[in-house]
PDB file of N, CA and C in Angstrom:
ATOM      1  N   MET A   1       0.811  -1.189   0.000  1.00  0.00           N
ATOM      2  CA  MET A   1       0.000   0.000   0.000  1.00  0.00           C
ATOM      3  C   MET A   1       0.858   1.258   0.000  1.00  0.00           C
ATOM      4  N   THR A   2       1.985   1.227   0.643  1.00  0.00           N
ATOM      5  CA  THR A   2       2.830   2.417   0.696  1.00  0.00           C
ATOM      6  C   THR A   2       3.413   2.745  -0.675  1.00  0.00           C
ATOM      7  N   LYS A   3       3.633   1.720  -1.505  1.00  0.00           N
ATOM      8  CA  LYS A   3       4.137   1.958  -2.848  1.00  0.00           C
ATOM      9  C   LYS A   3       3.096   2.707  -3.678  1.00  0.00           C
ATOM     10  N   PHE A   4       1.822   2.348  -3.500  1.00  0.00           N
ATOM     11  CA  PHE A   4       0.733   3.019  -4.208  1.00  0.00           C
ATOM     12  C   PHE A   4       0.635   4.482  -3.781  1.00  0.00           C
ATOM     13  N   VAL A   5       0.746   4.731  -2.495  1.00  0.00           N
ATOM     14  CA  VAL A   5       0.661   6.103  -1.973  1.00  0.00           C
ATOM     15  C   VAL A   5       1.821   6.946  -2.497  1.00  0.00           C
ATOM     16  N   ARG A   6       3.016   6.368  -2.529  1.00  0.00           N
ATOM     17  CA  ARG A   6       4.185   7.079  -3.013  1.00  0.00           C
ATOM     18  C   ARG A   6       4.022   7.416  -4.501  1.00  0.00           C
ATOM     19  N   THR A   7       3.534   6.466  -5.272  1.00  0.00           N
ATOM     20  CA  THR A   7       3.325   6.693  -6.701  1.00  0.00           C
ATOM     21  C   THR A   7       2.265   7.761  -6.924  1.00  0.00           C
ATOM     22  N   ALA A   8       1.192   7.728  -6.159  1.00  0.00           N
ATOM     23  CA  ALA A   8       0.137   8.734  -6.284  1.00  0.00           C
ATOM     24  C   ALA A   8       0.656  10.113  -5.907  1.00  0.00           C
ATOM     25  N   ARG A   9       1.466  10.194  -4.882  1.00  0.00           N
ATOM     26  CA  ARG A   9       2.018  11.481  -4.450  1.00  0.00           C
ATOM     27  C   ARG A   9       2.951  12.051  -5.521  1.00  0.00           C
ATOM     28  N   ILE A  10       3.772  11.202  -6.125  1.00  0.00           N
ATOM     29  CA  ILE A  10       4.677  11.651  -7.191  1.00  0.00           C
ATOM     30  C   ILE A  10       3.872  12.119  -8.399  1.00  0.00           C
ATOM     31  N   GLY A  11       2.830  11.377  -8.735  1.00  0.00           N
ATOM     32  CA  GLY A  11       1.986  11.768  -9.868  1.00  0.00           C
ATOM     33  C   GLY A  11       1.305  13.094  -9.626  1.00  0.00           C
ATOM     34  N   ALA A  12       0.799  13.318  -8.415  1.00  0.00           N
ATOM     35  CA  ALA A  12       0.147  14.584  -8.093  1.00  0.00           C
ATOM     36  C   ALA A  12       1.138  15.735  -8.142  1.00  0.00           C
ATOM     37  N   THR A  13       2.350  15.497  -7.672  1.00  0.00           N
ATOM     38  CA  THR A  13       3.375  16.538  -7.707  1.00  0.00           C
ATOM     39  C   THR A  13       3.732  16.901  -9.143  1.00  0.00           C
ATOM     40  N   LEU A  14       3.905  15.900  -9.995  1.00  0.00           N
ATOM     41  CA  LEU A  14       4.216  16.158 -11.399  1.00  0.00           C
ATOM     42  C   LEU A  14       3.074  16.883 -12.105  1.00  0.00           C
ATOM     43  N   PHE A  15       1.846  16.491 -11.813  1.00  0.00           N
ATOM     44  CA  PHE A  15       0.696  17.151 -12.412  1.00  0.00           C
ATOM     45  C   PHE A  15       0.626  18.613 -11.982  1.00  0.00           C
ATOM     46  N   GLY A  16       0.868  18.871 -10.719  1.00  0.00           N
ATOM     47  CA  GLY A  16       0.860  20.249 -10.221  1.00  0.00           C
ATOM     48  C   GLY A  16       1.953  21.092 -10.857  1.00  0.00           C
ATOM     49  N   ALA A  17       3.129  20.508 -11.030  1.00  0.00           N
ATOM     50  CA  ALA A  17       4.232  21.241 -11.658  1.00  0.00           C
ATOM     51  C   ALA A  17       3.903  21.576 -13.115  1.00  0.00           C
ATOM     52  N   CYS A  18       3.317  20.628 -13.825  1.00  0.00           N
ATOM     53  CA  CYS A  18       2.931  20.878 -15.222  1.00  0.00           C
ATOM     54  C   CYS A  18       1.864  21.964 -15.309  1.00  0.00           C
ATOM     55  N   ALA A  19       0.918  21.944 -14.379  1.00  0.00           N
ATOM     56  CA  ALA A  19      -0.136  22.958 -14.372  1.00  0.00           C
ATOM     57  C   ALA A  19       0.447  24.341 -14.115  1.00  0.00           C
ATOM     58  N   LEU A  20       1.400  24.449 -13.196  1.00  0.00           N
ATOM     59  CA  LEU A  20       2.027  25.743 -12.920  1.00  0.00           C
ATOM     60  C   LEU A  20       2.800  26.264 -14.125  1.00  0.00           C
ATOM     61  N   VAL A  21       3.505  25.381 -14.814  1.00  0.00           N
ATOM     62  CA  VAL A  21       4.255  25.788 -15.997  1.00  0.00           C
ATOM     63  C   VAL A  21       3.294  26.240 -17.098  1.00  0.00           C
ATOM     64  N   ALA A  22       2.188  25.523 -17.276  1.00  0.00           N
ATOM     65  CA  ALA A  22       1.219  25.884 -18.309  1.00  0.00           C
ATOM     66  C   ALA A  22       0.575  27.233 -18.016  1.00  0.00           C
ATOM     67  N   VAL A  23       0.244  27.482 -16.766  1.00  0.00           N
ATOM     68  CA  VAL A  23      -0.375  28.755 -16.396  1.00  0.00           C
ATOM     69  C   VAL A  23       0.621  29.898 -16.570  1.00  0.00           C
ATOM     70  N   ALA A  24       1.868  29.662 -16.269  1.00  0.00           N
ATOM     71  CA  ALA A  24       2.876  30.707 -16.398  1.00  0.00           C
ATOM     72  C   ALA A  24       3.179  31.016 -17.863  1.00  0.00           C
ATOM     73  N   ALA A  25       2.997  30.058 -18.752  1.00  0.00           N
ATOM     74  CA  ALA A  25       3.325  30.254 -20.162  1.00  0.00           C
ATOM     75  C   ALA A  25       2.221  30.967 -20.928  1.00  0.00           C
ATOM     76  N   VAL A  26       1.006  30.980 -20.443  1.00  0.00           N
ATOM     77  CA  VAL A  26      -0.112  31.579 -21.175  1.00  0.00           C
ATOM     78  C   VAL A  26       0.074  33.074 -21.384  1.00  0.00           C
ATOM     79  N   PRO A  27       0.375  33.883 -20.376  1.00  0.00           N
ATOM     80  CA  PRO A  27       0.543  35.312 -20.634  1.00  0.00           C
ATOM     81  C   PRO A  27       1.709  35.623 -21.571  1.00  0.00           C
ATOM     82  N   ALA A  28       2.758  34.849 -21.514  1.00  0.00           N
ATOM     83  CA  ALA A  28       3.895  35.080 -22.390  1.00  0.00           C
ATOM     84  C   ALA A  28       3.521  34.830 -23.843  1.00  0.00           C
ATOM     85  N   SER A  29       2.758  33.791 -24.106  1.00  0.00           N
ATOM     86  CA  SER A  29       2.361  33.510 -25.481  1.00  0.00           C
ATOM     87  C   SER A  29       1.361  34.538 -25.975  1.00  0.00           C
ATOM     88  N   ALA A  30       0.501  35.049 -25.110  1.00  0.00           N
ATOM     89  CA  ALA A  30      -0.450  36.078 -25.519  1.00  0.00           C
ATOM     90  C   ALA A  30       0.284  37.362 -25.886  1.00  0.00           C
ATOM     91  N   ALA A  31       1.323  37.689 -25.162  1.00  0.00           N
ATOM     92  CA  ALA A  31       2.094  38.888 -25.467  1.00  0.00           C
ATOM     93  C   ALA A  31       2.836  38.728 -26.790  1.00  0.00           C
ATOM     94  N   SER A  32       3.352  37.535 -27.045  1.00  0.00           N
ATOM     95  CA  SER A  32       4.069  37.328 -28.293  1.00  0.00           C
ATOM     96  C   SER A  32       3.117  37.367 -29.480  1.00  0.00           C
ATOM     97  N   GLU A  33       1.866  36.909 -29.312  1.00  0.00           N
ATOM     98  CA  GLU A  33       0.884  36.986 -30.389  1.00  0.00           C
ATOM     99  C   GLU A  33       0.562  38.434 -30.719  1.00  0.00           C
ATOM    100  N   LYS A  34       0.457  39.281 -29.709  1.00  0.00           N
ATOM    101  CA  LYS A  34       0.177  40.691 -29.955  1.00  0.00           C
ATOM    102  C   LYS A  34       1.321  41.333 -30.720  1.00  0.00           C
ATOM    103  N   SER A  35       2.544  40.978 -30.361  1.00  0.00           N
ATOM    104  CA  SER A  35       3.684  41.558 -31.064  1.00  0.00           C
ATOM    105  C   SER A  35       3.751  41.043 -32.500  1.00  0.00           C
ATOM    106  N   LYS A  36       3.386  39.778 -32.716  1.00  0.00           N
ATOM    107  CA  LYS A  36       3.372  39.237 -34.074  1.00  0.00           C
ATOM    108  C   LYS A  36       2.323  39.929 -34.921  1.00  0.00           C
ATOM    109  N   ARG A  37       1.146  40.189 -34.349  1.00  0.00           N
ATOM    110  CA  ARG A  37       0.101  40.884 -35.098  1.00  0.00           C
ATOM    111  C   ARG A  37       0.527  42.302 -35.448  1.00  0.00           C
ATOM    112  N   ALA A  38       1.163  42.983 -34.515  1.00  0.00           N
ATOM    113  CA  ALA A  38       1.628  44.336 -34.783  1.00  0.00           C
ATOM    114  C   ALA A  38       2.706  44.322 -35.864  1.00  0.00           C
ATOM    115  N   GLU A  39       3.571  43.322 -35.797  1.00  0.00           N
ATOM    116  CA  GLU A  39       4.633  43.202 -36.799  1.00  0.00           C
ATOM    117  C   GLU A  39       4.056  42.896 -38.171  1.00  0.00           C
ATOM    118  N   SER A  40       3.054  42.015 -38.236  1.00  0.00           N
ATOM    119  CA  SER A  40       2.452  41.691 -39.529  1.00  0.00           C
ATOM    120  C   SER A  40       1.702  42.886 -40.095  1.00  0.00           C
ATOM    121  N   ALA A  41       1.125  43.716 -39.237  1.00  0.00           N
ATOM    122  CA  ALA A  41       0.446  44.918 -39.711  1.00  0.00           C
ATOM    123  C   ALA A  41       1.455  45.894 -40.306  1.00  0.00           C
ATOM    124  N   LEU A  42       2.631  45.977 -39.707  1.00  0.00           N
ATOM    125  CA  LEU A  42       3.657  46.869 -40.231  1.00  0.00           C
ATOM    126  C   LEU A  42       4.165  46.388 -41.589  1.00  0.00           C
ATOM    127  N   THR A  43       4.339  45.086 -41.741  1.00  0.00           N
ATOM    128  CA  THR A  43       4.816  44.571 -43.024  1.00  0.00           C
ATOM    129  C   THR A  43       3.739  44.682 -44.085  1.00  0.00           C
ATOM    130  N   ALA A  44       2.468  44.590 -43.696  1.00  0.00           N
ATOM    131  CA  ALA A  44       1.382  44.733 -44.667  1.00  0.00           C
ATOM    132  C   ALA A  44       1.356  46.145 -45.220  1.00  0.00           C
ATOM    133  N   GLU A  45       1.630  47.113 -44.382  1.00  0.00           N
ATOM    134  CA  GLU A  45       1.635  48.494 -44.838  1.00  0.00           C
ATOM    135  C   GLU A  45       2.809  48.756 -45.772  1.00  0.00           C
ATOM    136  N   ALA A  46       3.879  48.038 -45.586  1.00  0.00           N
ATOM    137  CA  ALA A  46       5.066  48.258 -46.392  1.00  0.00           C
ATOM    138  C   ALA A  46       4.956  47.651 -47.784  1.00  0.00           C
ATOM    139  N   GLY A  47       3.937  46.846 -48.044  1.00  0.00           N
ATOM    140  CA  GLY A  47       3.758  46.250 -49.364  1.00  0.00           C
ATOM    141  C   GLY A  47       4.491  44.943 -49.539  1.00  0.00           C
ATOM    142  N   SER A  48       4.993  44.371 -48.471  1.00  0.00           N
ATOM    143  CA  SER A  48       5.727  43.123 -48.591  1.00  0.00           C
ATOM    144  C   SER A  48       4.853  41.920 -48.237  1.00  0.00           C
ATOM    145  N   VAL A  49       3.566  42.036 -48.458  1.00  0.00           N
ATOM    146  CA  VAL A  49       2.645  40.936 -48.189  1.00  0.00           C
ATOM    147  C   VAL A  49       2.806  39.897 -49.289  1.00  0.00           C
ATOM    148  N   ARG A  50       2.976  38.639 -48.889  1.00  0.00           N
ATOM    149  CA  ARG A  50       3.085  37.567 -49.876  1.00  0.00           C
ATOM    150  C   ARG A  50       1.702  37.115 -50.292  1.00  0.00           C
ATOM    151  N   VAL A  51       1.478  37.099 -51.595  1.00  0.00           N
ATOM    152  CA  VAL A  51       0.198  36.690 -52.156  1.00  0.00           C
ATOM    153  C   VAL A  51       0.454  35.485 -53.049  1.00  0.00           C
ATOM    154  N   CYS A  52      -0.277  34.404 -52.790  1.00  0.00           N
ATOM    155  CA  CYS A  52      -0.131  33.186 -53.583  1.00  0.00           C
ATOM    156  C   CYS A  52      -1.359  33.010 -54.456  1.00  0.00           C
ATOM    157  N   VAL A  53      -1.136  32.672 -55.724  1.00  0.00           N
ATOM    158  CA  VAL A  53      -2.223  32.494 -56.678  1.00  0.00           C
ATOM    159  C   VAL A  53      -2.118  31.089 -57.249  1.00  0.00           C
ATOM    160  N   LYS A  54      -3.233  30.383 -57.233  1.00  0.00           N
ATOM    161  CA  LYS A  54      -3.280  29.044 -57.819  1.00  0.00           C
ATOM    162  C   LYS A  54      -4.131  29.133 -59.080  1.00  0.00           C
ATOM    163  N   PHE A  55      -3.507  28.926 -60.223  1.00  0.00           N
ATOM    164  CA  PHE A  55      -4.199  29.025 -61.491  1.00  0.00           C
ATOM    165  C   PHE A  55      -4.988  27.756 -61.772  1.00  0.00           C
ATOM    166  N   GLU A  56      -6.014  27.878 -62.614  1.00  0.00           N
ATOM    167  CA  GLU A  56      -6.832  26.715 -62.975  1.00  0.00           C
ATOM    168  C   GLU A  56      -6.076  25.847 -63.971  1.00  0.00           C
ATOM    169  N   ALA A  57      -6.339  24.548 -63.892  1.00  0.00           N
ATOM    170  CA  ALA A  57      -5.703  23.610 -64.803  1.00  0.00           C
ATOM    171  C   ALA A  57      -6.315  23.758 -66.194  1.00  0.00           C
ATOM    172  N   PRO A  58      -5.510  23.614 -67.235  1.00  0.00           N
ATOM    173  CA  PRO A  58      -6.050  23.689 -68.596  1.00  0.00           C
ATOM    174  C   PRO A  58      -7.045  22.553 -68.850  1.00  0.00           C
ATOM    175  N   THR A  59      -7.952  22.773 -69.757  1.00  0.00           N
ATOM    176  CA  THR A  59      -8.957  21.772 -70.091  1.00  0.00           C
ATOM    177  C   THR A  59      -8.281  20.512 -70.629  1.00  0.00           C
ATOM    178  N   GLY A  60      -8.718  19.356 -70.129  1.00  0.00           N
ATOM    179  CA  GLY A  60      -8.200  18.089 -70.602  1.00  0.00           C
ATOM    180  C   GLY A  60      -7.061  17.535 -69.766  1.00  0.00           C
ATOM    181  N   THR A  61      -6.675  18.208 -68.723  1.00  0.00           N
ATOM    182  CA  THR A  61      -5.609  17.691 -67.879  1.00  0.00           C
ATOM    183  C   THR A  61      -6.078  17.638 -66.428  1.00  0.00           C
ATOM    184  N   ARG A  62      -5.524  16.720 -65.709  1.00  0.00           N
ATOM    185  CA  ARG A  62      -5.853  16.594 -64.290  1.00  0.00           C
ATOM    186  C   ARG A  62      -4.708  17.088 -63.415  1.00  0.00           C
ATOM    187  N   ILE A  63      -3.631  17.462 -64.038  1.00  0.00           N
ATOM    188  CA  ILE A  63      -2.474  17.939 -63.296  1.00  0.00           C
ATOM    189  C   ILE A  63      -2.618  19.439 -63.079  1.00  0.00           C
ATOM    190  N   ALA A  64      -2.690  19.825 -61.854  1.00  0.00           N
ATOM    191  CA  ALA A  64      -2.849  21.240 -61.534  1.00  0.00           C
ATOM    192  C   ALA A  64      -1.501  21.947 -61.638  1.00  0.00           C
ATOM    193  N   PRO A  65      -1.487  23.152 -62.171  1.00  0.00           N
ATOM    194  CA  PRO A  65      -0.225  23.893 -62.221  1.00  0.00           C
ATOM    195  C   PRO A  65       0.181  24.335 -60.822  1.00  0.00           C
ATOM    196  N   PRO A  66       1.467  24.515 -60.605  1.00  0.00           N
ATOM    197  CA  PRO A  66       1.906  24.940 -59.273  1.00  0.00           C
ATOM    198  C   PRO A  66       1.447  26.372 -58.982  1.00  0.00           C
ATOM    199  N   ARG A  67       1.254  26.657 -57.714  1.00  0.00           N
ATOM    200  CA  ARG A  67       0.844  28.012 -57.364  1.00  0.00           C
ATOM    201  C   ARG A  67       2.062  28.924 -57.354  1.00  0.00           C
ATOM    202  N   GLN A  68       1.811  30.185 -57.637  1.00  0.00           N
ATOM    203  CA  GLN A  68       2.882  31.158 -57.672  1.00  0.00           C
ATOM    204  C   GLN A  68       2.744  32.090 -56.483  1.00  0.00           C
ATOM    205  N   CYS A  69       3.810  32.277 -55.757  1.00  0.00           N
ATOM    206  CA  CYS A  69       3.823  33.171 -54.604  1.00  0.00           C
ATOM    207  C   CYS A  69       4.810  34.292 -54.856  1.00  0.00           C
ATOM    208  N   LYS A  70       4.318  35.516 -54.763  1.00  0.00           N
ATOM    209  CA  LYS A  70       5.143  36.700 -54.918  1.00  0.00           C
ATOM    210  C   LYS A  70       4.673  37.727 -53.900  1.00  0.00           C
ATOM    211  N   THR A  71       5.483  38.724 -53.697  1.00  0.00           N
ATOM    212  CA  THR A  71       5.045  39.812 -52.826  1.00  0.00           C
ATOM    213  C   THR A  71       4.066  40.693 -53.597  1.00  0.00           C
ATOM    214  N   ARG A  72       3.364  41.505 -52.842  1.00  0.00           N
ATOM    215  CA  ARG A  72       2.369  42.383 -53.466  1.00  0.00           C
ATOM    216  C   ARG A  72       3.023  43.324 -54.469  1.00  0.00           C
ATOM    217  N   ASP A  73       4.184  43.836 -54.134  1.00  0.00           N
ATOM    218  CA  ASP A  73       4.893  44.745 -55.043  1.00  0.00           C
ATOM    219  C   ASP A  73       5.323  44.040 -56.327  1.00  0.00           C
ATOM    220  N   GLN A  74       5.729  42.780 -56.228  1.00  0.00           N
ATOM    221  CA  GLN A  74       6.139  42.029 -57.421  1.00  0.00           C
ATOM    222  C   GLN A  74       4.956  41.783 -58.346  1.00  0.00           C
ATOM    223  N   TRP A  75       3.766  41.461 -57.782  1.00  0.00           N
ATOM    224  CA  TRP A  75       2.583  41.260 -58.618  1.00  0.00           C
ATOM    225  C   TRP A  75       2.225  42.538 -59.357  1.00  0.00           C
ATOM    226  N   ILE A  76       2.298  43.668 -58.663  1.00  0.00           N
ATOM    227  CA  ILE A  76       1.962  44.939 -59.307  1.00  0.00           C
ATOM    228  C   ILE A  76       2.975  45.247 -60.404  1.00  0.00           C
ATOM    229  N   LYS A  77       4.254  44.981 -60.150  1.00  0.00           N
ATOM    230  CA  LYS A  77       5.296  45.246 -61.140  1.00  0.00           C
ATOM    231  C   LYS A  77       5.139  44.346 -62.362  1.00  0.00           C
ATOM    232  N   ASP A  78       4.843  43.045 -62.149  1.00  0.00           N
ATOM    233  CA  ASP A  78       4.762  42.093 -63.262  1.00  0.00           C
ATOM    234  C   ASP A  78       3.469  42.219 -64.061  1.00  0.00           C
ATOM    235  N   THR A  79       2.333  42.330 -63.378  1.00  0.00           N
ATOM    236  CA  THR A  79       1.048  42.313 -64.073  1.00  0.00           C
ATOM    237  C   THR A  79       0.364  43.679 -64.148  1.00  0.00           C
ATOM    238  N   GLY A  80       0.760  44.596 -63.287  1.00  0.00           N
ATOM    239  CA  GLY A  80       0.127  45.910 -63.264  1.00  0.00           C
ATOM    240  C   GLY A  80      -1.185  45.928 -62.498  1.00  0.00           C
ATOM    241  N   VAL A  81      -1.520  44.819 -61.842  1.00  0.00           N
ATOM    242  CA  VAL A  81      -2.773  44.706 -61.110  1.00  0.00           C
ATOM    243  C   VAL A  81      -2.457  44.421 -59.645  1.00  0.00           C
ATOM    244  N   ASP A  82      -3.132  45.134 -58.754  1.00  0.00           N
ATOM    245  CA  ASP A  82      -2.968  44.896 -57.315  1.00  0.00           C
ATOM    246  C   ASP A  82      -3.833  43.706 -56.926  1.00  0.00           C
ATOM    247  N   PRO A  83      -3.245  42.583 -56.483  1.00  0.00           N
ATOM    248  CA  PRO A  83      -4.046  41.390 -56.191  1.00  0.00           C
ATOM    249  C   PRO A  83      -4.955  41.543 -54.971  1.00  0.00           C
ATOM    250  N   LEU A  84      -4.666  42.473 -54.086  1.00  0.00           N
ATOM    251  CA  LEU A  84      -5.470  42.657 -52.895  1.00  0.00           C
ATOM    252  C   LEU A  84      -6.469  43.799 -53.006  1.00  0.00           C
ATOM    253  N   ALA A  85      -6.565  44.424 -54.157  1.00  0.00           N
ATOM    254  CA  ALA A  85      -7.448  45.570 -54.333  1.00  0.00           C
ATOM    255  C   ALA A  85      -8.920  45.163 -54.313  1.00  0.00           C
ATOM    256  N   THR A  86      -9.259  43.956 -54.745  1.00  0.00           N
ATOM    257  CA  THR A  86     -10.660  43.536 -54.804  1.00  0.00           C
ATOM    258  C   THR A  86     -11.154  42.988 -53.485  1.00  0.00           C
ATOM    259  N   ARG A  87     -10.266  42.760 -52.524  1.00  0.00           N
ATOM    260  CA  ARG A  87     -10.674  42.182 -51.239  1.00  0.00           C
ATOM    261  C   ARG A  87     -11.257  43.185 -50.325  1.00  0.00           C
TER     262      ARG A  87
END
């Protein structure tokens, strides 16, 4: 019986330690998410937003063409059309 009690006590201690670590990590991750959102907003304003376009496959084929990913400025330079203007 003492072996069972010892094992239960160790398990409870480990569970409590994990709970404390999880609770302590939540505010840190929330702060990092806010900084990531602010950073992404700054890059969006700068025109360096990556836009990926997947073109339709030609008639008669089942192989889809690869998607093309470029920055917003590159799309405007290459095609003359702002890909995010219609959104």
